[in-house]
Amino acid sequence: MNPRARSLILTESQAACLVALRLRKESKTEIAIQAKLDLKKAAMALDALKELGLARRGPMNSWHPTGRGRNCRFKTTPDRIRRGSALPGPGARRLLDVLDRPMQGNELAEKLGITLQRVRQLVVKLHAQGLVKFGDPERILEVVTRTKDKTILLSRDEARVLSAIPDAYATNATKIRLAVLLPDKSVQQILDRLVARHFVAAQDGFTDKTIYQITAAGLKHPQRHQGARLADAPRLPVESDRVHAVLSAIRDARSLRIRDLKNALEMPLASCSHAISKAEGISAKD
């Protein structure tokens, strides 16, 4: 490595942008979020890196490190502090005033009477100042909230999976995958995270597949979309309508006394007992 590369000195914002480029962040917004800068400061830092031969602009305004940018060593020096730069401006203060709960970018734009592009500029600046956070750093307008808000934010795909889980019945990962059209592995990883956060409950099904049902906390989550496509109920491993009805009632209620089951299904006690015996045989087999 040549002496020039070893003695390279970057400002803190330039160094943060170079690190973001090395982490394969390509758009100016992604780089600004990673570097915790506003869009204007990120643009200035990227232009400086380009002049130094450490970054290049690619197609569609994407940014990439050069060979030297990927491998050089550097030291940092503090940025010049602009007066008032650490304080939100009037537009940012207005946004914070209406942000009393997690909101999507289009909702903020409507409430403030501004464009989505302006919302993007404001929330990136507020993120740089540590005042807001995002559910999905790659889709920052999917959901935005104040940093001090305790709501657990979900990524776009996590919100899709949560929204697909019905409250009326439990279902399995296969049915959820068909509803959200995401890969098996992604759906399972998301379900595991939602269970860990107590938004979804996992339970044993009548086959060897785990089934999932949304919890009260999941139902109340602000990112659960009411109009989303719901996953279908899994098919029960039985052809008899009577046994099917018994298994469905037990699955939905989780536990029932025989008398309550008889009344719920309007079935004679003997028939109900016989169906339960068959159901127990199926469960034991599985």
C-alpha atoms as a PDB file:
ATOM      1  CA  MET A   1       0.000   0.000   0.000  1.00  0.00           C
ATOM      2  CA  ASN A   2       1.416   3.384  -0.970  1.00  0.00           C
ATOM      3  CA  PRO A   3       2.119   6.169   1.552  1.00  0.00           C
ATOM      4  CA  ARG A   4      -0.610   8.340   0.095  1.00  0.00           C
ATOM      5  CA  ALA A   5      -3.245   5.729   0.948  1.00  0.00           C
ATOM      6  CA  ARG A   6      -1.900   5.261   4.459  1.00  0.00           C
ATOM      7  CA  SER A   7      -1.984   9.000   5.207  1.00  0.00           C
ATOM      8  CA  LEU A   8      -5.533   9.525   3.906  1.00  0.00           C
ATOM      9  CA  ILE A   9      -7.637  11.748   6.189  1.00  0.00           C
ATOM     10  CA  LEU A  10     -11.438  11.835   5.891  1.00  0.00           C
ATOM     11  CA  THR A  11     -14.060  13.802   7.768  1.00  0.00           C
ATOM     12  CA  GLU A  12     -16.316  11.736  10.032  1.00  0.00           C
ATOM     13  CA  SER A  13     -19.200  12.017   7.557  1.00  0.00           C
ATOM     14  CA  GLN A  14     -16.985  10.959   4.630  1.00  0.00           C
ATOM     15  CA  ALA A  15     -15.656   8.018   6.619  1.00  0.00           C
ATOM     16  CA  ALA A  16     -19.192   6.967   7.613  1.00  0.00           C
ATOM     17  CA  CYS A  17     -20.299   7.052   3.966  1.00  0.00           C
ATOM     18  CA  LEU A  18     -17.267   5.036   2.873  1.00  0.00           C
ATOM     19  CA  VAL A  19     -18.067   2.403   5.501  1.00  0.00           C
ATOM     20  CA  ALA A  20     -21.675   2.318   4.215  1.00  0.00           C
ATOM     21  CA  LEU A  21     -20.396   1.785   0.672  1.00  0.00           C
ATOM     22  CA  ARG A  22     -18.217  -1.072   1.874  1.00  0.00           C
ATOM     23  CA  LEU A  23     -21.353  -2.578   3.430  1.00  0.00           C
ATOM     24  CA  ARG A  24     -22.919  -2.516  -0.060  1.00  0.00           C
ATOM     25  CA  LYS A  25     -25.346   0.300   0.546  1.00  0.00           C
ATOM     26  CA  GLU A  26     -25.916   1.784  -2.897  1.00  0.00           C
ATOM     27  CA  SER A  27     -28.606   4.470  -2.845  1.00  0.00           C
ATOM     28  CA  LYS A  28     -28.022   7.874  -1.309  1.00  0.00           C
ATOM     29  CA  THR A  29     -30.868   7.233   1.159  1.00  0.00           C
ATOM     30  CA  GLU A  30     -29.459   3.849   2.236  1.00  0.00           C
ATOM     31  CA  ILE A  31     -26.013   5.398   2.697  1.00  0.00           C
ATOM     32  CA  ALA A  32     -27.422   8.324   4.694  1.00  0.00           C
ATOM     33  CA  ILE A  33     -29.385   5.952   6.973  1.00  0.00           C
ATOM     34  CA  GLN A  34     -26.354   3.729   7.562  1.00  0.00           C
ATOM     35  CA  ALA A  35     -24.088   6.726   8.170  1.00  0.00           C
ATOM     36  CA  LYS A  36     -26.711   8.572  10.275  1.00  0.00           C
ATOM     37  CA  LEU A  37     -26.504  11.665   8.104  1.00  0.00           C
ATOM     38  CA  ASP A  38     -29.135  13.824   6.448  1.00  0.00           C
ATOM     39  CA  LEU A  39     -29.424  13.556   2.662  1.00  0.00           C
ATOM     40  CA  LYS A  40     -27.638  16.837   1.963  1.00  0.00           C
ATOM     41  CA  LYS A  41     -24.633  15.955   4.106  1.00  0.00           C
ATOM     42  CA  ALA A  42     -24.500  12.447   2.651  1.00  0.00           C
ATOM     43  CA  ALA A  43     -24.509  13.895  -0.887  1.00  0.00           C
ATOM     44  CA  MET A  44     -21.644  16.253  -0.031  1.00  0.00           C
ATOM     45  CA  ALA A  45     -19.641  13.421   1.537  1.00  0.00           C
ATOM     46  CA  LEU A  46     -20.196  11.140  -1.478  1.00  0.00           C
ATOM     47  CA  ASP A  47     -19.106  13.862  -3.889  1.00  0.00           C
ATOM     48  CA  ALA A  48     -15.940  14.341  -1.806  1.00  0.00           C
ATOM     49  CA  LEU A  49     -15.251  10.585  -1.867  1.00  0.00           C
ATOM     50  CA  LYS A  50     -15.702  10.632  -5.634  1.00  0.00           C
ATOM     51  CA  GLU A  51     -13.173  13.461  -5.945  1.00  0.00           C
ATOM     52  CA  LEU A  52     -10.728  11.466  -3.824  1.00  0.00           C
ATOM     53  CA  GLY A  53     -11.138   8.448  -6.094  1.00  0.00           C
ATOM     54  CA  LEU A  54     -12.736   6.369  -3.330  1.00  0.00           C
ATOM     55  CA  ALA A  55     -16.281   6.172  -4.734  1.00  0.00           C
ATOM     56  CA  ARG A  56     -17.951   6.143  -8.123  1.00  0.00           C
ATOM     57  CA  ARG A  57     -21.482   6.804  -9.269  1.00  0.00           C
ATOM     58  CA  GLY A  58     -23.040   3.924 -11.175  1.00  0.00           C
ATOM     59  CA  PRO A  59     -26.235   3.549 -13.241  1.00  0.00           C
ATOM     60  CA  MET A  60     -29.518   4.827 -11.744  1.00  0.00           C
ATOM     61  CA  ASN A  61     -27.545   7.061  -9.330  1.00  0.00           C
ATOM     62  CA  SER A  62     -26.213   4.067  -7.409  1.00  0.00           C
ATOM     63  CA  TRP A  63     -22.932   4.488  -5.522  1.00  0.00           C
ATOM     64  CA  HIS A  64     -20.073   2.002  -5.204  1.00  0.00           C
ATOM     65  CA  PRO A  65     -16.581   2.025  -3.679  1.00  0.00           C
ATOM     66  CA  THR A  66     -13.661   1.980  -6.065  1.00  0.00           C
ATOM     67  CA  GLY A  67     -10.852  -0.540  -5.626  1.00  0.00           C
ATOM     68  CA  ARG A  68      -8.959   2.031  -3.585  1.00  0.00           C
ATOM     69  CA  GLY A  69     -12.105   2.861  -1.592  1.00  0.00           C
ATOM     70  CA  ARG A  70     -12.551  -0.787  -0.636  1.00  0.00           C
ATOM     71  CA  ASN A  71      -8.996  -1.269   0.602  1.00  0.00           C
ATOM     72  CA  CYS A  72      -7.575   2.049   1.778  1.00  0.00           C
ATOM     73  CA  ARG A  73      -6.769   2.913   5.349  1.00  0.00           C
ATOM     74  CA  PHE A  74      -7.739   6.319   6.657  1.00  0.00           C
ATOM     75  CA  LYS A  75      -7.842   8.559   9.671  1.00  0.00           C
ATOM     76  CA  THR A  76     -10.783  10.768  10.563  1.00  0.00           C
ATOM     77  CA  THR A  77     -11.189  14.363  11.533  1.00  0.00           C
ATOM     78  CA  PRO A  78     -14.362  15.940  12.980  1.00  0.00           C
ATOM     79  CA  ASP A  79     -16.835  17.577  10.628  1.00  0.00           C
ATOM     80  CA  ARG A  80     -17.249  21.308  10.737  1.00  0.00           C
ATOM     81  CA  ILE A  81     -20.240  21.940  12.983  1.00  0.00           C
ATOM     82  CA  ARG A  82     -22.919  24.023  11.320  1.00  0.00           C
ATOM     83  CA  ARG A  83     -24.870  26.334  13.591  1.00  0.00           C
ATOM     84  CA  GLY A  84     -28.270  24.842  14.466  1.00  0.00           C
ATOM     85  CA  SER A  85     -27.579  21.624  12.537  1.00  0.00           C
ATOM     86  CA  ALA A  86     -28.325  19.470  15.581  1.00  0.00           C
ATOM     87  CA  LEU A  87     -31.821  20.937  15.976  1.00  0.00           C
ATOM     88  CA  PRO A  88     -34.927  20.001  13.954  1.00  0.00           C
ATOM     89  CA  GLY A  89     -36.112  22.703  11.572  1.00  0.00           C
ATOM     90  CA  PRO A  90     -39.733  23.903  11.373  1.00  0.00           C
ATOM     91  CA  GLY A  91     -40.788  21.152   8.950  1.00  0.00           C
ATOM     92  CA  ALA A  92     -39.157  18.442  11.043  1.00  0.00           C
ATOM     93  CA  ARG A  93     -40.807  19.782  14.204  1.00  0.00           C
ATOM     94  CA  ARG A  94     -44.202  19.655  12.503  1.00  0.00           C
ATOM     95  CA  LEU A  95     -43.591  16.049  11.533  1.00  0.00           C
ATOM     96  CA  LEU A  96     -42.605  15.141  15.079  1.00  0.00           C
ATOM     97  CA  ASP A  97     -45.757  16.831  16.390  1.00  0.00           C
ATOM     98  CA  VAL A  98     -48.054  14.600  14.329  1.00  0.00           C
ATOM     99  CA  LEU A  99     -45.965  11.468  14.859  1.00  0.00           C
ATOM    100  CA  ASP A 100     -47.788  10.377  18.008  1.00  0.00           C
ATOM    101  CA  ARG A 101     -47.752   6.697  16.969  1.00  0.00           C
ATOM    102  CA  PRO A 102     -46.094   4.557  14.291  1.00  0.00           C
ATOM    103  CA  MET A 103     -47.119   5.858  10.854  1.00  0.00           C
ATOM    104  CA  GLN A 104     -46.485   5.135   7.188  1.00  0.00           C
ATOM    105  CA  GLY A 105     -44.922   7.744   4.942  1.00  0.00           C
ATOM    106  CA  ASN A 106     -48.094   8.314   2.914  1.00  0.00           C
ATOM    107  CA  GLU A 107     -50.055   8.959   6.121  1.00  0.00           C
ATOM    108  CA  LEU A 108     -47.491  11.552   7.221  1.00  0.00           C
ATOM    109  CA  ALA A 109     -47.593  13.178   3.792  1.00  0.00           C
ATOM    110  CA  GLU A 110     -51.386  13.435   3.960  1.00  0.00           C
ATOM    111  CA  LYS A 111     -51.416  14.831   7.493  1.00  0.00           C
ATOM    112  CA  LEU A 112     -48.724  17.414   6.722  1.00  0.00           C
ATOM    113  CA  GLY A 113     -49.873  18.267   3.207  1.00  0.00           C
ATOM    114  CA  ILE A 114     -46.434  17.592   1.709  1.00  0.00           C
ATOM    115  CA  THR A 115     -44.967  15.191  -0.852  1.00  0.00           C
ATOM    116  CA  LEU A 116     -43.578  11.751  -0.062  1.00  0.00           C
ATOM    117  CA  GLN A 117     -40.176  12.983  -1.234  1.00  0.00           C
ATOM    118  CA  ARG A 118     -40.293  15.757   1.377  1.00  0.00           C
ATOM    119  CA  VAL A 119     -41.338  13.246   4.062  1.00  0.00           C
ATOM    120  CA  ARG A 120     -38.342  11.110   3.090  1.00  0.00           C
ATOM    121  CA  GLN A 121     -35.979  14.086   3.432  1.00  0.00           C
ATOM    122  CA  LEU A 122     -37.382  15.019   6.833  1.00  0.00           C
ATOM    123  CA  VAL A 123     -37.358  11.526   8.360  1.00  0.00           C
ATOM    124  CA  VAL A 124     -33.797  10.853   7.157  1.00  0.00           C
ATOM    125  CA  LYS A 125     -32.683  14.090   8.838  1.00  0.00           C
ATOM    126  CA  LEU A 126     -34.586  13.231  12.034  1.00  0.00           C
ATOM    127  CA  HIS A 127     -33.012   9.764  11.990  1.00  0.00           C
ATOM    128  CA  ALA A 128     -29.567  11.374  11.747  1.00  0.00           C
ATOM    129  CA  GLN A 129     -30.467  13.439  14.825  1.00  0.00           C
ATOM    130  CA  GLY A 130     -31.576  10.295  16.686  1.00  0.00           C
ATOM    131  CA  LEU A 131     -35.226  11.365  16.904  1.00  0.00           C
ATOM    132  CA  VAL A 132     -36.978   8.726  14.779  1.00  0.00           C
ATOM    133  CA  LYS A 133     -36.514   5.065  13.891  1.00  0.00           C
ATOM    134  CA  PHE A 134     -37.704   2.820  11.060  1.00  0.00           C
ATOM    135  CA  GLY A 135     -39.252  -0.628  11.003  1.00  0.00           C
ATOM    136  CA  ASP A 136     -37.483  -1.487   7.748  1.00  0.00           C
ATOM    137  CA  PRO A 137     -34.254   0.439   6.957  1.00  0.00           C
ATOM    138  CA  GLU A 138     -34.553  -0.604   3.305  1.00  0.00           C
ATOM    139  CA  ARG A 139     -38.102   0.798   3.055  1.00  0.00           C
ATOM    140  CA  ILE A 140     -37.985   3.718   5.443  1.00  0.00           C
ATOM    141  CA  LEU A 141     -41.473   5.012   4.620  1.00  0.00           C
ATOM    142  CA  GLU A 142     -43.061   1.649   5.464  1.00  0.00           C
ATOM    143  CA  VAL A 143     -43.329   2.694   9.115  1.00  0.00           C
ATOM    144  CA  VAL A 144     -41.738   5.541  11.102  1.00  0.00           C
ATOM    145  CA  THR A 145     -41.976   6.313  14.800  1.00  0.00           C
ATOM    146  CA  ARG A 146     -40.301   8.403  17.458  1.00  0.00           C
ATOM    147  CA  THR A 147     -37.157   6.843  18.910  1.00  0.00           C
ATOM    148  CA  LYS A 148     -38.676   6.820  22.406  1.00  0.00           C
ATOM    149  CA  ASP A 149     -41.820   4.993  21.255  1.00  0.00           C
ATOM    150  CA  LYS A 150     -41.769   1.501  22.793  1.00  0.00           C
ATOM    151  CA  THR A 151     -43.735  -0.117  19.955  1.00  0.00           C
ATOM    152  CA  ILE A 152     -41.795  -2.990  18.391  1.00  0.00           C
ATOM    153  CA  LEU A 153     -41.622  -2.121  14.710  1.00  0.00           C
ATOM    154  CA  LEU A 154     -41.834  -4.791  12.033  1.00  0.00           C
ATOM    155  CA  SER A 155     -40.192  -5.002   8.646  1.00  0.00           C
ATOM    156  CA  ARG A 156     -42.437  -5.022   5.578  1.00  0.00           C
ATOM    157  CA  ASP A 157     -42.289  -8.828   5.270  1.00  0.00           C
ATOM    158  CA  GLU A 158     -42.883  -9.315   9.009  1.00  0.00           C
ATOM    159  CA  ALA A 159     -45.979  -7.109   8.794  1.00  0.00           C
ATOM    160  CA  ARG A 160     -47.218  -9.130   5.799  1.00  0.00           C
ATOM    161  CA  VAL A 161     -46.862 -12.420   7.669  1.00  0.00           C
ATOM    162  CA  LEU A 162     -48.513 -11.053  10.815  1.00  0.00           C
ATOM    163  CA  SER A 163     -51.413  -9.674   8.754  1.00  0.00           C
ATOM    164  CA  ALA A 164     -51.969 -13.054   7.065  1.00  0.00           C
ATOM    165  CA  ILE A 165     -52.505 -14.964  10.323  1.00  0.00           C
ATOM    166  CA  PRO A 166     -56.235 -15.174  11.141  1.00  0.00           C
ATOM    167  CA  ASP A 167     -57.701 -14.600  14.580  1.00  0.00           C
ATOM    168  CA  ALA A 168     -60.573 -17.089  14.060  1.00  0.00           C
ATOM    169  CA  TYR A 169     -58.421 -20.207  13.631  1.00  0.00           C
ATOM    170  CA  ALA A 170     -54.859 -21.483  13.689  1.00  0.00           C
ATOM    171  CA  THR A 171     -52.955 -22.331  10.521  1.00  0.00           C
ATOM    172  CA  ASN A 172     -49.569 -23.662   9.465  1.00  0.00           C
ATOM    173  CA  ALA A 173     -46.506 -22.159   7.814  1.00  0.00           C
ATOM    174  CA  THR A 174     -47.384 -23.614   4.395  1.00  0.00           C
ATOM    175  CA  LYS A 175     -50.765 -21.872   4.287  1.00  0.00           C
ATOM    176  CA  ILE A 176     -49.168 -18.630   5.499  1.00  0.00           C
ATOM    177  CA  ARG A 177     -46.491 -18.874   2.784  1.00  0.00           C
ATOM    178  CA  LEU A 178     -49.175 -19.293   0.114  1.00  0.00           C
ATOM    179  CA  ALA A 179     -50.963 -16.189   1.407  1.00  0.00           C
ATOM    180  CA  VAL A 180     -47.888 -13.913   1.493  1.00  0.00           C
ATOM    181  CA  LEU A 181     -45.910 -15.438  -1.425  1.00  0.00           C
ATOM    182  CA  LEU A 182     -42.569 -15.464   0.368  1.00  0.00           C
ATOM    183  CA  PRO A 183     -39.964 -18.276   0.448  1.00  0.00           C
ATOM    184  CA  ASP A 184     -40.435 -21.092   2.989  1.00  0.00           C
ATOM    185  CA  LYS A 185     -37.252 -20.246   4.871  1.00  0.00           C
ATOM    186  CA  SER A 186     -38.140 -16.551   5.160  1.00  0.00           C
ATOM    187  CA  VAL A 187     -41.660 -17.291   6.416  1.00  0.00           C
ATOM    188  CA  GLN A 188     -40.379 -19.715   9.058  1.00  0.00           C
ATOM    189  CA  GLN A 189     -37.738 -17.261  10.286  1.00  0.00           C
ATOM    190  CA  ILE A 190     -40.337 -14.495  10.507  1.00  0.00           C
ATOM    191  CA  LEU A 191     -42.772 -16.757  12.382  1.00  0.00           C
ATOM    192  CA  ASP A 192     -40.043 -17.628  14.874  1.00  0.00           C
ATOM    193  CA  ARG A 193     -39.410 -13.916  15.478  1.00  0.00           C
ATOM    194  CA  LEU A 194     -43.126 -13.147  15.847  1.00  0.00           C
ATOM    195  CA  VAL A 195     -43.499 -15.994  18.360  1.00  0.00           C
ATOM    196  CA  ALA A 196     -40.491 -14.709  20.329  1.00  0.00           C
ATOM    197  CA  ARG A 197     -42.113 -11.265  20.456  1.00  0.00           C
ATOM    198  CA  HIS A 198     -45.447 -12.797  21.599  1.00  0.00           C
ATOM    199  CA  PHE A 199     -47.380 -11.522  18.559  1.00  0.00           C
ATOM    200  CA  VAL A 200     -48.072 -15.107  17.467  1.00  0.00           C
ATOM    201  CA  ALA A 201     -48.572 -18.312  19.481  1.00  0.00           C
ATOM    202  CA  ALA A 202     -47.225 -21.651  18.237  1.00  0.00           C
ATOM    203  CA  GLN A 203     -48.965 -24.886  19.145  1.00  0.00           C
ATOM    204  CA  ASP A 204     -48.964 -28.530  18.136  1.00  0.00           C
ATOM    205  CA  GLY A 205     -51.322 -29.401  15.295  1.00  0.00           C
ATOM    206  CA  PHE A 206     -53.110 -32.677  14.566  1.00  0.00           C
ATOM    207  CA  THR A 207     -50.270 -33.628  12.240  1.00  0.00           C
ATOM    208  CA  ASP A 208     -46.550 -33.156  12.794  1.00  0.00           C
ATOM    209  CA  LYS A 209     -46.791 -29.535  11.598  1.00  0.00           C
ATOM    210  CA  THR A 210     -46.784 -26.660  14.068  1.00  0.00           C
ATOM    211  CA  ILE A 211     -49.779 -24.355  13.762  1.00  0.00           C
ATOM    212  CA  TYR A 212     -49.846 -20.639  14.516  1.00  0.00           C
ATOM    213  CA  GLN A 213     -52.496 -18.298  15.845  1.00  0.00           C
ATOM    214  CA  ILE A 214     -52.312 -14.556  16.352  1.00  0.00           C
ATOM    215  CA  THR A 215     -52.320 -13.271  19.945  1.00  0.00           C
ATOM    216  CA  ALA A 216     -54.107 -10.266  21.426  1.00  0.00           C
ATOM    217  CA  ALA A 217     -50.867  -8.278  21.163  1.00  0.00           C
ATOM    218  CA  GLY A 218     -50.539  -9.252  17.489  1.00  0.00           C
ATOM    219  CA  LEU A 219     -54.121  -8.201  16.765  1.00  0.00           C
ATOM    220  CA  LYS A 220     -53.465  -4.752  18.253  1.00  0.00           C
ATOM    221  CA  HIS A 221     -50.169  -4.160  16.458  1.00  0.00           C
ATOM    222  CA  PRO A 222     -50.417  -0.966  14.354  1.00  0.00           C
ATOM    223  CA  GLN A 223     -48.753  -2.633  11.363  1.00  0.00           C
ATOM    224  CA  ARG A 224     -51.335  -5.406  11.057  1.00  0.00           C
ATOM    225  CA  HIS A 225     -53.341  -4.647   7.911  1.00  0.00           C
ATOM    226  CA  GLN A 226     -57.027  -5.445   8.202  1.00  0.00           C
ATOM    227  CA  GLY A 227     -57.587  -5.962   4.483  1.00  0.00           C
ATOM    228  CA  ALA A 228     -54.707  -8.396   3.955  1.00  0.00           C
ATOM    229  CA  ARG A 229     -55.241 -11.840   2.476  1.00  0.00           C
ATOM    230  CA  LEU A 230     -55.672 -14.371   5.285  1.00  0.00           C
ATOM    231  CA  ALA A 231     -54.042 -17.791   5.253  1.00  0.00           C
ATOM    232  CA  ASP A 232     -56.447 -20.686   4.872  1.00  0.00           C
ATOM    233  CA  ALA A 233     -57.004 -23.194   7.658  1.00  0.00           C
ATOM    234  CA  PRO A 234     -54.934 -26.386   7.303  1.00  0.00           C
ATOM    235  CA  ARG A 235     -56.782 -29.453   6.141  1.00  0.00           C
ATOM    236  CA  LEU A 236     -57.501 -31.842   8.981  1.00  0.00           C
ATOM    237  CA  PRO A 237     -56.336 -35.470   8.519  1.00  0.00           C
ATOM    238  CA  VAL A 238     -59.806 -37.016   8.414  1.00  0.00           C
ATOM    239  CA  GLU A 239     -62.604 -37.587   5.893  1.00  0.00           C
ATOM    240  CA  SER A 240     -65.540 -38.036   8.315  1.00  0.00           C
ATOM    241  CA  ASP A 241     -67.597 -34.851   8.589  1.00  0.00           C
ATOM    242  CA  ARG A 242     -68.467 -35.679  12.198  1.00  0.00           C
ATOM    243  CA  VAL A 243     -64.858 -36.244  13.293  1.00  0.00           C
ATOM    244  CA  HIS A 244     -63.825 -33.223  11.242  1.00  0.00           C
ATOM    245  CA  ALA A 245     -66.343 -31.078  13.154  1.00  0.00           C
ATOM    246  CA  VAL A 246     -65.077 -32.377  16.499  1.00  0.00           C
ATOM    247  CA  LEU A 247     -61.419 -31.733  15.602  1.00  0.00           C
ATOM    248  CA  SER A 248     -62.229 -28.266  14.286  1.00  0.00           C
ATOM    249  CA  ALA A 249     -64.162 -27.325  17.426  1.00  0.00           C
ATOM    250  CA  ILE A 250     -61.368 -28.566  19.699  1.00  0.00           C
ATOM    251  CA  ARG A 251     -58.723 -26.821  17.615  1.00  0.00           C
ATOM    252  CA  ASP A 252     -60.566 -23.493  17.679  1.00  0.00           C
ATOM    253  CA  ALA A 253     -61.430 -23.637  21.393  1.00  0.00           C
ATOM    254  CA  ARG A 254     -58.130 -25.368  22.354  1.00  0.00           C
ATOM    255  CA  SER A 255     -59.983 -27.318  25.081  1.00  0.00           C
ATOM    256  CA  LEU A 256     -63.620 -28.362  25.564  1.00  0.00           C
ATOM    257  CA  ARG A 257     -65.570 -30.595  27.915  1.00  0.00           C
ATOM    258  CA  ILE A 258     -67.532 -33.337  26.166  1.00  0.00           C
ATOM    259  CA  ARG A 259     -70.810 -31.798  27.358  1.00  0.00           C
ATOM    260  CA  ASP A 260     -69.840 -28.403  25.895  1.00  0.00           C
ATOM    261  CA  LEU A 261     -68.702 -30.068  22.668  1.00  0.00           C
ATOM    262  CA  LYS A 262     -72.026 -31.945  22.411  1.00  0.00           C
ATOM    263  CA  ASN A 263     -73.994 -28.726  22.874  1.00  0.00           C
ATOM    264  CA  ALA A 264     -71.827 -26.730  20.478  1.00  0.00           C
ATOM    265  CA  LEU A 265     -72.175 -29.297  17.692  1.00  0.00           C
ATOM    266  CA  GLU A 266     -75.789 -30.264  18.556  1.00  0.00           C
ATOM    267  CA  MET A 267     -74.713 -33.883  18.449  1.00  0.00           C
ATOM    268  CA  PRO A 268     -75.969 -36.842  20.532  1.00  0.00           C
ATOM    269  CA  LEU A 269     -73.664 -37.683  23.413  1.00  0.00           C
ATOM    270  CA  ALA A 270     -72.937 -41.203  22.101  1.00  0.00           C
ATOM    271  CA  SER A 271     -72.051 -39.876  18.644  1.00  0.00           C
ATOM    272  CA  CYS A 272     -69.889 -37.191  20.184  1.00  0.00           C
ATOM    273  CA  SER A 273     -67.993 -39.735  22.318  1.00  0.00           C
ATOM    274  CA  HIS A 274     -67.505 -41.998  19.291  1.00  0.00           C
ATOM    275  CA  ALA A 275     -66.124 -39.122  17.208  1.00  0.00           C
ATOM    276  CA  ILE A 276     -63.751 -38.152  20.026  1.00  0.00           C
ATOM    277  CA  SER A 277     -62.456 -41.733  20.185  1.00  0.00           C
ATOM    278  CA  LYS A 278     -61.732 -41.647  16.449  1.00  0.00           C
ATOM    279  CA  ALA A 279     -60.102 -38.261  16.819  1.00  0.00           C
ATOM    280  CA  GLU A 280     -57.863 -39.587  19.608  1.00  0.00           C
ATOM    281  CA  GLY A 281     -56.857 -42.479  17.342  1.00  0.00           C
ATOM    282  CA  ILE A 282     -55.838 -40.026  14.621  1.00  0.00           C
ATOM    283  CA  SER A 283     -53.851 -37.887  17.073  1.00  0.00           C
ATOM    284  CA  ALA A 284     -52.058 -40.932  18.474  1.00  0.00           C
ATOM    285  CA  LYS A 285     -51.187 -42.098  14.972  1.00  0.00           C
ATOM    286  CA  ASP A 286     -49.729 -38.694  14.078  1.00  0.00           C
END
